[in-house]
Amino acid sequence: MLHQPKCILEIGTFTGYSAIAMASALAEDGKLITIEIDEEKEALFTDYFQKSGLDHKIESHIGHAKDIIPSIPDEIDMVFMDADKENYPHYYELLINRLKPGALIISDNVLWSGKVIEPVKDKDRDTKGILKFNKMVQEDERVDNVLVSIRDGVMLARVR
């Protein structure tokens, strides 16, 4: 059964659009933790967070998610990944054993504009990362998953 998450981790903030959407659905005591590698985006999304009136629910971090994830508390019950695709497998490995049963991992762009099915011999790093991630999730008996083929593909994985 899915429930309203109390703590969401977003990997890849960009402009803050998805963070605001998720934070608006949180309970008043809920928290969204977001990680963005590009420090030049911080002023932009911080401004949007303040204008949305949800900045009190959002904790933002600047840096590489591989370095920040280990310092985040284990209270996360939903993850939204929309960052550097080549590192999706690393993020998954850092998180999967820390998530409680029922936690949901939502990963965007898992069809990668169709590149994941192209018979191209030399795939780029992002495509290879997405392929590895998709296979990892599909073969992982700790999760139930479905790949939703809308737009650029969304993988939903629920921890058993």
N, C-alpha and C. Protein backbone atom coordinates (compact mmCIF):
# COMPACT_ATOMS: atom_id res chain seq x y z
N MET A 1 0.84 -1.18 0.00
CA MET A 1 0.00 0.00 0.00
C MET A 1 0.89 1.24 0.00
N LEU A 2 0.59 2.19 -0.84
CA LEU A 2 1.31 3.45 -0.87
C LEU A 2 0.68 4.40 0.13
N HIS A 3 1.49 5.23 0.71
CA HIS A 3 0.99 6.19 1.69
C HIS A 3 1.65 7.54 1.45
N GLN A 4 1.13 8.54 2.13
CA GLN A 4 1.71 9.87 1.99
C GLN A 4 3.08 9.88 2.66
N PRO A 5 4.13 10.13 1.90
CA PRO A 5 5.47 10.12 2.49
C PRO A 5 5.68 11.30 3.45
N LYS A 6 6.47 11.04 4.49
CA LYS A 6 6.82 12.10 5.43
C LYS A 6 8.15 12.72 5.06
N CYS A 7 9.01 11.93 4.40
CA CYS A 7 10.32 12.44 4.01
C CYS A 7 10.65 11.96 2.60
N ILE A 8 10.86 12.91 1.71
CA ILE A 8 11.17 12.62 0.31
C ILE A 8 12.60 13.09 0.03
N LEU A 9 13.34 12.27 -0.69
CA LEU A 9 14.67 12.65 -1.17
C LEU A 9 14.57 12.84 -2.67
N GLU A 10 14.97 14.01 -3.15
CA GLU A 10 15.02 14.28 -4.58
C GLU A 10 16.49 14.42 -4.98
N ILE A 11 16.89 13.66 -5.99
CA ILE A 11 18.25 13.74 -6.50
C ILE A 11 18.17 14.42 -7.85
N GLY A 12 18.61 15.67 -7.90
CA GLY A 12 18.52 16.49 -9.10
C GLY A 12 17.42 17.53 -8.95
N THR A 13 17.78 18.73 -8.56
CA THR A 13 16.81 19.79 -8.29
C THR A 13 16.48 20.62 -9.51
N PHE A 14 17.49 20.96 -10.29
CA PHE A 14 17.39 21.81 -11.48
C PHE A 14 16.73 23.15 -11.10
N THR A 15 15.52 23.42 -11.54
CA THR A 15 14.88 24.70 -11.21
C THR A 15 14.03 24.63 -9.95
N GLY A 16 13.77 23.43 -9.46
CA GLY A 16 12.96 23.26 -8.26
C GLY A 16 11.50 22.94 -8.53
N TYR A 17 11.13 22.83 -9.79
CA TYR A 17 9.73 22.59 -10.15
C TYR A 17 9.17 21.32 -9.50
N SER A 18 9.86 20.20 -9.67
CA SER A 18 9.36 18.94 -9.10
C SER A 18 9.43 18.96 -7.58
N ALA A 19 10.44 19.63 -7.02
CA ALA A 19 10.54 19.73 -5.56
C ALA A 19 9.32 20.46 -4.99
N ILE A 20 8.92 21.53 -5.63
CA ILE A 20 7.75 22.29 -5.17
C ILE A 20 6.49 21.44 -5.28
N ALA A 21 6.35 20.71 -6.39
CA ALA A 21 5.18 19.85 -6.56
C ALA A 21 5.12 18.80 -5.46
N MET A 22 6.24 18.16 -5.17
CA MET A 22 6.25 17.12 -4.13
C MET A 22 6.06 17.72 -2.75
N ALA A 23 6.72 18.84 -2.46
CA ALA A 23 6.59 19.47 -1.15
C ALA A 23 5.16 19.93 -0.89
N SER A 24 4.45 20.32 -1.93
CA SER A 24 3.07 20.78 -1.75
C SER A 24 2.15 19.64 -1.34
N ALA A 25 2.53 18.40 -1.61
CA ALA A 25 1.71 17.25 -1.24
C ALA A 25 2.08 16.67 0.12
N LEU A 26 3.14 17.17 0.73
CA LEU A 26 3.57 16.68 2.04
C LEU A 26 2.63 17.15 3.15
N ALA A 27 2.55 16.35 4.20
CA ALA A 27 1.86 16.80 5.41
C ALA A 27 2.63 17.99 5.97
N GLU A 28 2.00 18.75 6.84
CA GLU A 28 2.64 19.95 7.39
C GLU A 28 3.98 19.64 8.04
N ASP A 29 4.11 18.48 8.66
CA ASP A 29 5.38 18.12 9.31
C ASP A 29 6.31 17.34 8.39
N GLY A 30 5.95 17.23 7.09
CA GLY A 30 6.78 16.51 6.14
C GLY A 30 7.99 17.32 5.70
N LYS A 31 8.95 16.61 5.10
CA LYS A 31 10.19 17.26 4.68
C LYS A 31 10.64 16.69 3.34
N LEU A 32 11.13 17.58 2.48
CA LEU A 32 11.73 17.18 1.22
C LEU A 32 13.20 17.58 1.27
N ILE A 33 14.06 16.63 1.01
CA ILE A 33 15.50 16.88 0.95
C ILE A 33 15.88 16.80 -0.52
N THR A 34 16.51 17.85 -1.03
CA THR A 34 16.86 17.86 -2.44
C THR A 34 18.36 18.09 -2.61
N ILE A 35 18.91 17.43 -3.62
CA ILE A 35 20.34 17.52 -3.89
C ILE A 35 20.55 17.98 -5.32
N GLU A 36 21.37 19.00 -5.49
CA GLU A 36 21.71 19.52 -6.83
C GLU A 36 23.22 19.69 -6.90
N ILE A 37 23.82 19.22 -7.97
CA ILE A 37 25.26 19.32 -8.14
C ILE A 37 25.69 20.69 -8.66
N ASP A 38 24.83 21.37 -9.41
CA ASP A 38 25.17 22.62 -10.06
C ASP A 38 24.88 23.81 -9.13
N GLU A 39 25.90 24.34 -8.51
CA GLU A 39 25.71 25.43 -7.55
C GLU A 39 25.15 26.69 -8.19
N GLU A 40 25.30 26.82 -9.49
CA GLU A 40 24.75 27.99 -10.18
C GLU A 40 23.22 27.98 -10.21
N LYS A 41 22.61 26.84 -10.00
CA LYS A 41 21.15 26.72 -9.98
C LYS A 41 20.56 27.10 -8.61
N GLU A 42 21.39 27.14 -7.57
CA GLU A 42 20.90 27.32 -6.21
C GLU A 42 20.07 28.60 -6.03
N ALA A 43 20.55 29.73 -6.53
CA ALA A 43 19.81 30.99 -6.36
C ALA A 43 18.44 30.90 -7.03
N LEU A 44 18.39 30.24 -8.19
CA LEU A 44 17.13 30.11 -8.93
C LEU A 44 16.11 29.29 -8.14
N PHE A 45 16.49 28.06 -7.74
CA PHE A 45 15.50 27.23 -7.06
C PHE A 45 15.20 27.72 -5.65
N THR A 46 16.16 28.34 -4.99
CA THR A 46 15.89 28.91 -3.66
C THR A 46 14.85 30.01 -3.76
N ASP A 47 14.95 30.84 -4.78
CA ASP A 47 13.97 31.90 -5.00
C ASP A 47 12.58 31.30 -5.24
N TYR A 48 12.50 30.26 -6.07
CA TYR A 48 11.22 29.60 -6.33
C TYR A 48 10.66 28.95 -5.07
N PHE A 49 11.52 28.34 -4.27
CA PHE A 49 11.06 27.72 -3.02
C PHE A 49 10.43 28.77 -2.11
N GLN A 50 11.10 29.93 -1.99
CA GLN A 50 10.57 31.00 -1.15
C GLN A 50 9.25 31.54 -1.70
N LYS A 51 9.17 31.77 -3.00
CA LYS A 51 7.94 32.27 -3.62
C LYS A 51 6.78 31.29 -3.46
N SER A 52 7.09 29.99 -3.41
CA SER A 52 6.04 28.99 -3.28
C SER A 52 5.47 28.93 -1.86
N GLY A 53 6.22 29.49 -0.90
CA GLY A 53 5.79 29.41 0.49
C GLY A 53 6.05 28.05 1.12
N LEU A 54 6.81 27.21 0.44
CA LEU A 54 7.10 25.86 0.93
C LEU A 54 8.54 25.69 1.38
N ASP A 55 9.29 26.78 1.40
CA ASP A 55 10.71 26.68 1.73
C ASP A 55 10.95 26.10 3.12
N HIS A 56 9.98 26.20 4.03
CA HIS A 56 10.14 25.64 5.38
C HIS A 56 10.09 24.10 5.36
N LYS A 57 9.61 23.51 4.27
CA LYS A 57 9.54 22.06 4.14
C LYS A 57 10.69 21.49 3.32
N ILE A 58 11.50 22.38 2.72
CA ILE A 58 12.54 21.93 1.78
C ILE A 58 13.93 22.20 2.34
N GLU A 59 14.72 21.15 2.36
CA GLU A 59 16.13 21.25 2.78
C GLU A 59 16.98 20.95 1.54
N SER A 60 17.73 21.93 1.09
CA SER A 60 18.51 21.72 -0.13
C SER A 60 20.00 21.57 0.17
N HIS A 61 20.62 20.73 -0.64
CA HIS A 61 22.06 20.47 -0.54
C HIS A 61 22.68 20.69 -1.91
N ILE A 62 23.86 21.28 -1.92
CA ILE A 62 24.62 21.46 -3.16
C ILE A 62 25.84 20.56 -3.09
N GLY A 63 26.03 19.77 -4.12
CA GLY A 63 27.18 18.88 -4.19
C GLY A 63 26.80 17.61 -4.92
N HIS A 64 27.72 16.67 -4.94
CA HIS A 64 27.47 15.40 -5.63
C HIS A 64 26.65 14.48 -4.73
N ALA A 65 25.58 13.95 -5.27
CA ALA A 65 24.69 13.08 -4.49
C ALA A 65 25.42 11.89 -3.89
N LYS A 66 26.43 11.36 -4.59
CA LYS A 66 27.18 10.21 -4.05
C LYS A 66 27.85 10.57 -2.73
N ASP A 67 28.21 11.84 -2.56
CA ASP A 67 28.85 12.28 -1.32
C ASP A 67 27.84 12.67 -0.25
N ILE A 68 26.68 13.14 -0.66
CA ILE A 68 25.67 13.66 0.29
C ILE A 68 24.74 12.57 0.80
N ILE A 69 24.37 11.62 -0.03
CA ILE A 69 23.41 10.58 0.38
C ILE A 69 23.82 9.87 1.67
N PRO A 70 25.08 9.48 1.86
CA PRO A 70 25.43 8.78 3.10
C PRO A 70 25.18 9.60 4.38
N SER A 71 25.13 10.92 4.26
CA SER A 71 24.93 11.76 5.46
C SER A 71 23.45 12.06 5.73
N ILE A 72 22.57 11.60 4.88
CA ILE A 72 21.14 11.85 5.05
C ILE A 72 20.55 10.79 5.97
N PRO A 73 19.69 11.19 6.91
CA PRO A 73 19.08 10.22 7.83
C PRO A 73 18.29 9.13 7.10
N ASP A 74 18.13 7.99 7.75
CA ASP A 74 17.45 6.84 7.15
C ASP A 74 15.92 6.95 7.17
N GLU A 75 15.39 8.11 7.42
CA GLU A 75 13.93 8.26 7.52
C GLU A 75 13.24 8.42 6.18
N ILE A 76 13.94 8.31 5.08
CA ILE A 76 13.39 8.54 3.74
C ILE A 76 12.38 7.45 3.39
N ASP A 77 11.20 7.88 2.93
CA ASP A 77 10.24 6.89 2.47
C ASP A 77 9.79 7.10 1.03
N MET A 78 10.42 8.05 0.33
CA MET A 78 10.22 8.18 -1.11
C MET A 78 11.46 8.85 -1.70
N VAL A 79 11.89 8.37 -2.85
CA VAL A 79 13.04 8.94 -3.56
C VAL A 79 12.58 9.27 -4.98
N PHE A 80 12.98 10.46 -5.44
CA PHE A 80 12.74 10.84 -6.84
C PHE A 80 14.10 11.12 -7.47
N MET A 81 14.49 10.31 -8.45
CA MET A 81 15.77 10.49 -9.13
C MET A 81 15.55 11.10 -10.51
N ASP A 82 16.19 12.24 -10.72
CA ASP A 82 16.16 12.91 -12.02
C ASP A 82 17.45 13.72 -12.14
N ALA A 83 18.56 13.00 -12.11
CA ALA A 83 19.87 13.66 -12.11
C ALA A 83 20.74 13.03 -13.20
N ASP A 84 22.04 13.01 -12.98
CA ASP A 84 22.98 12.45 -13.95
C ASP A 84 22.72 10.95 -14.10
N LYS A 85 22.32 10.57 -15.27
CA LYS A 85 21.84 9.21 -15.53
C LYS A 85 22.92 8.15 -15.34
N GLU A 86 24.16 8.49 -15.61
CA GLU A 86 25.21 7.48 -15.47
C GLU A 86 25.38 7.04 -14.02
N ASN A 87 24.92 7.85 -13.07
CA ASN A 87 25.07 7.50 -11.66
C ASN A 87 23.81 6.93 -11.01
N TYR A 88 22.74 6.72 -11.76
CA TYR A 88 21.55 6.09 -11.19
C TYR A 88 21.89 4.78 -10.47
N PRO A 89 22.74 3.90 -11.06
CA PRO A 89 23.07 2.66 -10.33
C PRO A 89 23.75 2.93 -8.99
N HIS A 90 24.62 3.92 -8.93
CA HIS A 90 25.30 4.25 -7.67
C HIS A 90 24.30 4.76 -6.63
N TYR A 91 23.40 5.63 -7.05
CA TYR A 91 22.40 6.17 -6.12
C TYR A 91 21.51 5.05 -5.59
N TYR A 92 21.11 4.16 -6.47
CA TYR A 92 20.28 3.03 -6.07
C TYR A 92 21.00 2.18 -5.03
N GLU A 93 22.26 1.87 -5.29
CA GLU A 93 23.04 1.06 -4.35
C GLU A 93 23.21 1.75 -3.00
N LEU A 94 23.39 3.06 -3.01
CA LEU A 94 23.54 3.81 -1.76
C LEU A 94 22.25 3.85 -0.94
N LEU A 95 21.13 3.74 -1.60
CA LEU A 95 19.84 3.92 -0.94
C LEU A 95 19.10 2.64 -0.60
N ILE A 96 19.17 1.63 -1.43
CA ILE A 96 18.26 0.50 -1.34
C ILE A 96 18.25 -0.17 0.03
N ASN A 97 19.37 -0.35 0.67
CA ASN A 97 19.41 -1.02 1.97
C ASN A 97 19.01 -0.11 3.12
N ARG A 98 18.83 1.18 2.85
CA ARG A 98 18.45 2.13 3.88
C ARG A 98 16.95 2.41 3.89
N LEU A 99 16.25 1.93 2.88
CA LEU A 99 14.83 2.22 2.75
C LEU A 99 13.99 1.12 3.40
N LYS A 100 12.95 1.54 4.09
CA LYS A 100 12.05 0.61 4.78
C LYS A 100 11.07 0.00 3.80
N PRO A 101 10.49 -1.14 4.15
CA PRO A 101 9.45 -1.72 3.30
C PRO A 101 8.33 -0.69 3.04
N GLY A 102 7.90 -0.64 1.81
CA GLY A 102 6.87 0.31 1.42
C GLY A 102 7.43 1.58 0.82
N ALA A 103 8.72 1.83 0.99
CA ALA A 103 9.33 3.03 0.41
C ALA A 103 9.26 2.92 -1.12
N LEU A 104 9.16 4.07 -1.76
CA LEU A 104 9.01 4.12 -3.20
C LEU A 104 10.18 4.87 -3.82
N ILE A 105 10.75 4.30 -4.87
CA ILE A 105 11.80 4.96 -5.66
C ILE A 105 11.20 5.25 -7.03
N ILE A 106 11.16 6.53 -7.38
CA ILE A 106 10.65 6.95 -8.69
C ILE A 106 11.84 7.50 -9.47
N SER A 107 12.09 6.94 -10.63
CA SER A 107 13.25 7.33 -11.43
C SER A 107 12.78 7.79 -12.80
N ASP A 108 13.17 9.00 -13.17
CA ASP A 108 12.73 9.60 -14.43
C ASP A 108 13.73 9.30 -15.55
N ASN A 109 13.24 9.36 -16.76
CA ASN A 109 14.05 9.25 -17.98
C ASN A 109 14.66 7.87 -18.21
N VAL A 110 14.00 6.81 -17.78
CA VAL A 110 14.59 5.48 -17.90
C VAL A 110 14.48 4.88 -19.31
N LEU A 111 13.80 5.56 -20.21
CA LEU A 111 13.81 5.14 -21.61
C LEU A 111 14.79 5.98 -22.43
N TRP A 112 15.19 7.08 -21.87
CA TRP A 112 16.26 7.94 -22.39
C TRP A 112 16.11 8.20 -23.88
N SER A 113 14.97 8.74 -24.24
CA SER A 113 14.64 9.09 -25.63
C SER A 113 14.79 7.91 -26.59
N GLY A 114 14.55 6.72 -26.09
CA GLY A 114 14.65 5.51 -26.92
C GLY A 114 16.05 4.97 -27.07
N LYS A 115 17.04 5.66 -26.53
CA LYS A 115 18.43 5.21 -26.68
C LYS A 115 18.68 3.85 -26.03
N VAL A 116 17.88 3.50 -25.03
CA VAL A 116 18.09 2.23 -24.33
C VAL A 116 17.76 1.02 -25.19
N ILE A 117 17.03 1.21 -26.28
CA ILE A 117 16.70 0.08 -27.16
C ILE A 117 17.39 0.15 -28.51
N GLU A 118 18.10 1.22 -28.75
CA GLU A 118 18.81 1.34 -30.03
C GLU A 118 19.97 0.35 -30.08
N PRO A 119 20.17 -0.27 -31.25
CA PRO A 119 21.27 -1.23 -31.38
C PRO A 119 22.61 -0.54 -31.67
N VAL A 120 22.88 0.51 -30.92
CA VAL A 120 24.12 1.25 -31.14
C VAL A 120 25.24 0.56 -30.37
N LYS A 121 26.33 0.30 -31.05
CA LYS A 121 27.44 -0.42 -30.44
C LYS A 121 28.09 0.39 -29.31
N ASP A 122 28.34 1.65 -29.55
CA ASP A 122 29.02 2.47 -28.55
C ASP A 122 28.03 3.46 -27.92
N LYS A 123 27.38 3.03 -26.86
CA LYS A 123 26.42 3.88 -26.17
C LYS A 123 27.17 4.86 -25.27
N ASP A 124 26.58 6.05 -25.08
CA ASP A 124 27.20 7.05 -24.20
C ASP A 124 27.06 6.62 -22.74
N ARG A 125 27.78 7.32 -21.85
CA ARG A 125 27.81 6.96 -20.42
C ARG A 125 26.43 7.01 -19.78
N ASP A 126 25.64 8.02 -20.13
CA ASP A 126 24.31 8.13 -19.55
C ASP A 126 23.43 6.95 -19.95
N THR A 127 23.47 6.59 -21.22
CA THR A 127 22.67 5.46 -21.70
C THR A 127 23.12 4.17 -21.02
N LYS A 128 24.42 3.98 -20.90
CA LYS A 128 24.93 2.79 -20.20
C LYS A 128 24.48 2.77 -18.74
N GLY A 129 24.48 3.94 -18.10
CA GLY A 129 24.02 4.02 -16.72
C GLY A 129 22.56 3.66 -16.58
N ILE A 130 21.73 4.17 -17.49
CA ILE A 130 20.30 3.86 -17.45
C ILE A 130 20.08 2.36 -17.70
N LEU A 131 20.78 1.79 -18.68
CA LEU A 131 20.64 0.36 -18.95
C LEU A 131 21.01 -0.48 -17.73
N LYS A 132 22.12 -0.14 -17.10
CA LYS A 132 22.56 -0.87 -15.90
C LYS A 132 21.54 -0.71 -14.78
N PHE A 133 21.05 0.51 -14.57
CA PHE A 133 20.07 0.77 -13.53
C PHE A 133 18.79 -0.03 -13.78
N ASN A 134 18.26 0.04 -14.99
CA ASN A 134 17.03 -0.69 -15.31
C ASN A 134 17.18 -2.18 -15.03
N LYS A 135 18.31 -2.74 -15.42
CA LYS A 135 18.57 -4.16 -15.19
C LYS A 135 18.68 -4.46 -13.69
N MET A 136 19.38 -3.61 -12.96
CA MET A 136 19.53 -3.80 -11.51
C MET A 136 18.17 -3.86 -10.83
N VAL A 137 17.32 -2.90 -11.15
CA VAL A 137 16.01 -2.83 -10.51
C VAL A 137 15.17 -4.04 -10.90
N GLN A 138 15.18 -4.38 -12.19
CA GLN A 138 14.39 -5.52 -12.67
C GLN A 138 14.80 -6.82 -11.99
N GLU A 139 16.09 -6.98 -11.73
CA GLU A 139 16.59 -8.22 -11.14
C GLU A 139 16.64 -8.22 -9.62
N ASP A 140 16.33 -7.10 -9.00
CA ASP A 140 16.43 -6.97 -7.55
C ASP A 140 15.17 -7.53 -6.88
N GLU A 141 15.33 -8.61 -6.13
CA GLU A 141 14.20 -9.25 -5.47
C GLU A 141 13.71 -8.47 -4.24
N ARG A 142 14.42 -7.41 -3.87
CA ARG A 142 13.99 -6.59 -2.72
C ARG A 142 12.92 -5.59 -3.10
N VAL A 143 12.63 -5.46 -4.41
CA VAL A 143 11.64 -4.48 -4.86
C VAL A 143 10.65 -5.10 -5.84
N ASP A 144 9.47 -4.51 -5.87
CA ASP A 144 8.50 -4.75 -6.94
C ASP A 144 8.62 -3.53 -7.82
N ASN A 145 8.60 -3.72 -9.15
CA ASN A 145 8.81 -2.56 -10.01
C ASN A 145 7.97 -2.62 -11.26
N VAL A 146 7.81 -1.44 -11.83
CA VAL A 146 7.15 -1.32 -13.11
C VAL A 146 7.78 -0.14 -13.84
N LEU A 147 8.00 -0.32 -15.13
CA LEU A 147 8.49 0.76 -15.97
C LEU A 147 7.27 1.29 -16.72
N VAL A 148 6.97 2.54 -16.48
CA VAL A 148 5.82 3.17 -17.13
C VAL A 148 6.35 3.90 -18.36
N SER A 149 5.81 3.55 -19.51
CA SER A 149 6.38 4.07 -20.77
C SER A 149 5.72 5.37 -21.23
N ILE A 150 5.39 6.24 -20.31
CA ILE A 150 4.90 7.56 -20.69
C ILE A 150 6.09 8.49 -20.87
N ARG A 151 5.97 9.38 -21.81
CA ARG A 151 7.02 10.35 -22.14
C ARG A 151 8.37 9.66 -22.24
N ASP A 152 9.31 9.99 -21.36
CA ASP A 152 10.67 9.44 -21.45
C ASP A 152 10.89 8.26 -20.50
N GLY A 153 9.81 7.73 -19.96
CA GLY A 153 9.88 6.55 -19.11
C GLY A 153 10.12 6.86 -17.65
N VAL A 154 9.31 6.24 -16.80
CA VAL A 154 9.43 6.39 -15.35
C VAL A 154 9.45 5.01 -14.74
N MET A 155 10.45 4.74 -13.92
CA MET A 155 10.54 3.47 -13.20
C MET A 155 10.01 3.69 -11.79
N LEU A 156 9.07 2.85 -11.40
CA LEU A 156 8.55 2.86 -10.03
C LEU A 156 9.02 1.57 -9.38
N ALA A 157 9.72 1.70 -8.27
CA ALA A 157 10.19 0.52 -7.53
C ALA A 157 9.76 0.69 -6.08
N ARG A 158 9.02 -0.30 -5.59
CA ARG A 158 8.54 -0.27 -4.20
C ARG A 158 9.30 -1.33 -3.41
N VAL A 159 9.91 -0.89 -2.32
CA VAL A 159 10.69 -1.80 -1.48
C VAL A 159 9.75 -2.77 -0.78
N ARG A 160 10.09 -4.05 -0.87
CA ARG A 160 9.27 -5.11 -0.24
C ARG A 160 9.46 -5.14 1.26
